[in-house]
Amino acid sequence: MSWPSWGQDDTPPVPSLFDVVASSINIMQVRITRSRMAGDPPDLVIAPRLADLGLMDFHKGEQTIEEGRLAVERSVEALAALF
């Protein structure tokens, strides 16, 4: 069995305070969104593929907007069915 190697002393890296806070905020946002959607479900959800986007990735604005545009294009048939 092979164990992952994290460093010379084989201890996992300790996340920074910022990493912990950012992860906590992401978890909170997901839970709030799920709760709101369960209470008042939308007719259609368009979800861009942004799993690699972090809390402070403001410099990825163009990439994010482009992915949003692509997500809408993928949803055109479902949108047309609503109208």
N, C-alpha and C. Protein backbone atom coordinates (compact mmCIF):
# COMPACT_ATOMS: atom_id res chain seq x y z
N MET A 1 0.84 -1.17 0.00
CA MET A 1 0.00 0.00 0.00
C MET A 1 0.89 1.24 0.00
N SER A 2 0.54 2.21 -0.84
CA SER A 2 1.33 3.42 -0.96
C SER A 2 0.61 4.58 -0.28
N TRP A 3 1.32 5.28 0.59
CA TRP A 3 0.76 6.43 1.29
C TRP A 3 1.22 7.70 0.61
N PRO A 4 0.37 8.74 0.59
CA PRO A 4 0.81 10.00 -0.02
C PRO A 4 1.95 10.62 0.75
N SER A 5 2.83 11.26 0.04
CA SER A 5 3.96 11.93 0.68
C SER A 5 3.72 13.44 0.64
N TRP A 6 3.66 14.05 1.81
CA TRP A 6 3.37 15.49 1.89
C TRP A 6 4.62 16.34 2.10
N GLY A 7 5.63 15.76 2.57
CA GLY A 7 6.83 16.53 2.84
C GLY A 7 7.88 15.63 3.44
N GLN A 8 8.94 16.24 3.92
CA GLN A 8 10.03 15.45 4.47
C GLN A 8 9.63 14.72 5.72
N ASP A 9 8.79 15.32 6.54
CA ASP A 9 8.40 14.65 7.80
C ASP A 9 7.06 13.94 7.68
N ASP A 10 6.52 13.81 6.47
CA ASP A 10 5.27 13.08 6.20
C ASP A 10 4.07 13.59 6.99
N THR A 11 4.02 14.89 7.25
CA THR A 11 2.84 15.47 7.89
C THR A 11 2.06 16.24 6.82
N PRO A 12 0.73 16.18 6.89
CA PRO A 12 -0.06 16.91 5.90
C PRO A 12 0.13 18.41 6.06
N PRO A 13 0.02 19.15 4.96
CA PRO A 13 0.17 20.61 5.07
C PRO A 13 -0.98 21.21 5.87
N VAL A 14 -0.68 22.20 6.66
CA VAL A 14 -1.69 22.88 7.48
C VAL A 14 -2.31 23.99 6.64
N PRO A 15 -3.66 24.00 6.51
CA PRO A 15 -4.29 25.07 5.72
C PRO A 15 -4.12 26.41 6.44
N SER A 16 -4.05 27.46 5.64
CA SER A 16 -3.92 28.79 6.22
C SER A 16 -5.27 29.22 6.79
N LEU A 17 -5.26 30.24 7.61
CA LEU A 17 -6.49 30.78 8.16
C LEU A 17 -7.41 31.23 7.03
N PHE A 18 -6.85 31.86 6.00
CA PHE A 18 -7.64 32.30 4.86
C PHE A 18 -8.30 31.11 4.16
N ASP A 19 -7.58 30.01 3.96
CA ASP A 19 -8.15 28.82 3.33
C ASP A 19 -9.34 28.29 4.13
N VAL A 20 -9.22 28.27 5.42
CA VAL A 20 -10.31 27.78 6.28
C VAL A 20 -11.52 28.69 6.20
N VAL A 21 -11.29 30.01 6.25
CA VAL A 21 -12.41 30.97 6.17
C VAL A 21 -13.07 30.89 4.80
N ALA A 22 -12.28 30.82 3.72
CA ALA A 22 -12.83 30.74 2.37
C ALA A 22 -13.67 29.46 2.21
N SER A 23 -13.18 28.35 2.70
CA SER A 23 -13.93 27.10 2.62
C SER A 23 -15.23 27.19 3.42
N SER A 24 -15.17 27.81 4.58
CA SER A 24 -16.37 27.97 5.40
C SER A 24 -17.41 28.83 4.69
N ILE A 25 -16.97 29.90 4.06
CA ILE A 25 -17.90 30.77 3.34
C ILE A 25 -18.53 30.01 2.17
N ASN A 26 -17.72 29.24 1.44
CA ASN A 26 -18.26 28.45 0.33
C ASN A 26 -19.31 27.46 0.80
N ILE A 27 -19.04 26.77 1.90
CA ILE A 27 -20.01 25.81 2.45
C ILE A 27 -21.29 26.53 2.85
N MET A 28 -21.16 27.68 3.50
CA MET A 28 -22.32 28.45 3.93
C MET A 28 -23.16 28.89 2.72
N GLN A 29 -22.50 29.36 1.66
CA GLN A 29 -23.22 29.81 0.47
C GLN A 29 -23.99 28.65 -0.18
N VAL A 30 -23.38 27.49 -0.25
CA VAL A 30 -24.04 26.33 -0.84
C VAL A 30 -25.27 25.95 -0.02
N ARG A 31 -25.14 25.93 1.29
CA ARG A 31 -26.28 25.56 2.14
C ARG A 31 -27.42 26.57 2.06
N ILE A 32 -27.10 27.85 2.03
CA ILE A 32 -28.14 28.87 1.90
C ILE A 32 -28.85 28.73 0.56
N THR A 33 -28.08 28.54 -0.50
CA THR A 33 -28.67 28.39 -1.84
C THR A 33 -29.59 27.18 -1.89
N ARG A 34 -29.14 26.05 -1.36
CA ARG A 34 -29.98 24.84 -1.38
C ARG A 34 -31.26 25.04 -0.58
N SER A 35 -31.17 25.72 0.55
CA SER A 35 -32.34 25.97 1.37
C SER A 35 -33.35 26.86 0.64
N ARG A 36 -32.87 27.92 0.03
CA ARG A 36 -33.75 28.83 -0.70
C ARG A 36 -34.39 28.14 -1.91
N MET A 37 -33.61 27.33 -2.61
CA MET A 37 -34.14 26.65 -3.78
C MET A 37 -35.16 25.58 -3.40
N ALA A 38 -34.99 24.96 -2.24
CA ALA A 38 -35.96 23.97 -1.79
C ALA A 38 -37.28 24.64 -1.43
N GLY A 39 -37.22 25.83 -0.83
CA GLY A 39 -38.42 26.55 -0.42
C GLY A 39 -39.18 27.16 -1.59
N ASP A 40 -38.47 27.59 -2.59
CA ASP A 40 -39.08 28.23 -3.76
C ASP A 40 -38.31 27.79 -4.99
N PRO A 41 -38.58 26.57 -5.47
CA PRO A 41 -37.77 26.03 -6.58
C PRO A 41 -37.93 26.83 -7.87
N PRO A 42 -36.83 27.03 -8.57
CA PRO A 42 -36.89 27.76 -9.85
C PRO A 42 -37.43 26.88 -10.96
N ASP A 43 -37.87 27.49 -12.03
CA ASP A 43 -38.32 26.74 -13.20
C ASP A 43 -37.14 26.13 -13.94
N LEU A 44 -36.02 26.80 -13.92
CA LEU A 44 -34.82 26.33 -14.62
C LEU A 44 -33.59 26.83 -13.88
N VAL A 45 -32.59 25.99 -13.77
CA VAL A 45 -31.32 26.39 -13.17
C VAL A 45 -30.24 26.32 -14.24
N ILE A 46 -29.54 27.42 -14.42
CA ILE A 46 -28.39 27.45 -15.32
C ILE A 46 -27.16 27.50 -14.42
N ALA A 47 -26.36 26.45 -14.48
CA ALA A 47 -25.21 26.35 -13.60
C ALA A 47 -23.91 26.30 -14.40
N PRO A 48 -23.20 27.42 -14.50
CA PRO A 48 -21.91 27.41 -15.18
C PRO A 48 -20.94 26.47 -14.45
N ARG A 49 -20.01 25.93 -15.18
CA ARG A 49 -19.01 25.02 -14.60
C ARG A 49 -17.87 25.85 -14.04
N LEU A 50 -17.95 26.14 -12.74
CA LEU A 50 -16.98 27.02 -12.10
C LEU A 50 -16.34 26.38 -10.87
N ALA A 51 -16.19 25.07 -10.89
CA ALA A 51 -15.64 24.37 -9.73
C ALA A 51 -14.22 24.81 -9.40
N ASP A 52 -13.47 25.26 -10.40
CA ASP A 52 -12.09 25.67 -10.17
C ASP A 52 -11.96 27.13 -9.75
N LEU A 53 -13.08 27.81 -9.59
CA LEU A 53 -13.06 29.23 -9.22
C LEU A 53 -13.01 29.37 -7.71
N GLY A 54 -12.08 30.16 -7.23
CA GLY A 54 -11.94 30.39 -5.79
C GLY A 54 -12.57 31.69 -5.37
N LEU A 55 -12.64 31.90 -4.08
CA LEU A 55 -13.27 33.08 -3.49
C LEU A 55 -12.62 34.39 -3.95
N MET A 56 -11.33 34.39 -4.16
CA MET A 56 -10.61 35.62 -4.50
C MET A 56 -10.11 35.64 -5.94
N ASP A 57 -10.70 34.86 -6.82
CA ASP A 57 -10.26 34.77 -8.21
C ASP A 57 -10.89 35.85 -9.09
N PHE A 58 -10.80 37.08 -8.65
CA PHE A 58 -11.38 38.19 -9.42
C PHE A 58 -10.70 38.35 -10.77
N HIS A 59 -9.45 37.95 -10.86
CA HIS A 59 -8.71 38.08 -12.11
C HIS A 59 -9.21 37.11 -13.18
N LYS A 60 -10.10 36.20 -12.82
CA LYS A 60 -10.65 35.24 -13.78
C LYS A 60 -12.02 35.69 -14.30
N GLY A 61 -12.27 36.98 -14.26
CA GLY A 61 -13.57 37.51 -14.66
C GLY A 61 -13.95 37.17 -16.09
N GLU A 62 -13.05 37.37 -17.02
CA GLU A 62 -13.37 37.08 -18.43
C GLU A 62 -13.68 35.60 -18.63
N GLN A 63 -12.89 34.75 -18.01
CA GLN A 63 -13.11 33.30 -18.11
C GLN A 63 -14.47 32.92 -17.50
N THR A 64 -14.82 33.54 -16.40
CA THR A 64 -16.07 33.26 -15.72
C THR A 64 -17.27 33.71 -16.55
N ILE A 65 -17.17 34.89 -17.12
CA ILE A 65 -18.25 35.40 -17.97
C ILE A 65 -18.44 34.51 -19.19
N GLU A 66 -17.35 34.07 -19.78
CA GLU A 66 -17.41 33.19 -20.94
C GLU A 66 -18.08 31.86 -20.57
N GLU A 67 -17.75 31.32 -19.41
CA GLU A 67 -18.39 30.07 -18.99
C GLU A 67 -19.88 30.28 -18.74
N GLY A 68 -20.26 31.44 -18.23
CA GLY A 68 -21.68 31.76 -18.07
C GLY A 68 -22.40 31.80 -19.40
N ARG A 69 -21.75 32.42 -20.40
CA ARG A 69 -22.33 32.47 -21.74
C ARG A 69 -22.50 31.07 -22.32
N LEU A 70 -21.50 30.22 -22.14
CA LEU A 70 -21.58 28.85 -22.63
C LEU A 70 -22.69 28.07 -21.92
N ALA A 71 -22.86 28.33 -20.62
CA ALA A 71 -23.91 27.64 -19.87
C ALA A 71 -25.29 28.02 -20.40
N VAL A 72 -25.47 29.29 -20.76
CA VAL A 72 -26.74 29.73 -21.34
C VAL A 72 -26.95 29.06 -22.70
N GLU A 73 -25.90 29.00 -23.50
CA GLU A 73 -26.02 28.34 -24.80
C GLU A 73 -26.42 26.87 -24.64
N ARG A 74 -25.88 26.21 -23.63
CA ARG A 74 -26.24 24.80 -23.39
C ARG A 74 -27.68 24.66 -22.93
N SER A 75 -28.27 25.75 -22.42
CA SER A 75 -29.62 25.71 -21.87
C SER A 75 -30.67 26.32 -22.79
N VAL A 76 -30.30 26.68 -24.00
CA VAL A 76 -31.22 27.39 -24.90
C VAL A 76 -32.51 26.60 -25.13
N GLU A 77 -32.42 25.30 -25.35
CA GLU A 77 -33.64 24.50 -25.59
C GLU A 77 -34.55 24.50 -24.38
N ALA A 78 -33.98 24.36 -23.20
CA ALA A 78 -34.79 24.37 -21.98
C ALA A 78 -35.41 25.75 -21.76
N LEU A 79 -34.65 26.81 -22.06
CA LEU A 79 -35.20 28.16 -21.94
C LEU A 79 -36.34 28.37 -22.93
N ALA A 80 -36.17 27.91 -24.15
CA ALA A 80 -37.22 28.08 -25.18
C ALA A 80 -38.49 27.33 -24.77
N ALA A 81 -38.34 26.21 -24.11
CA ALA A 81 -39.51 25.44 -23.69
C ALA A 81 -40.33 26.16 -22.63
N LEU A 82 -39.70 27.05 -21.86
CA LEU A 82 -40.40 27.80 -20.82
C LEU A 82 -41.26 28.92 -21.42
N PHE A 83 -40.87 29.39 -22.60
CA PHE A 83 -41.57 30.54 -23.18
C PHE A 83 -42.43 30.10 -24.30
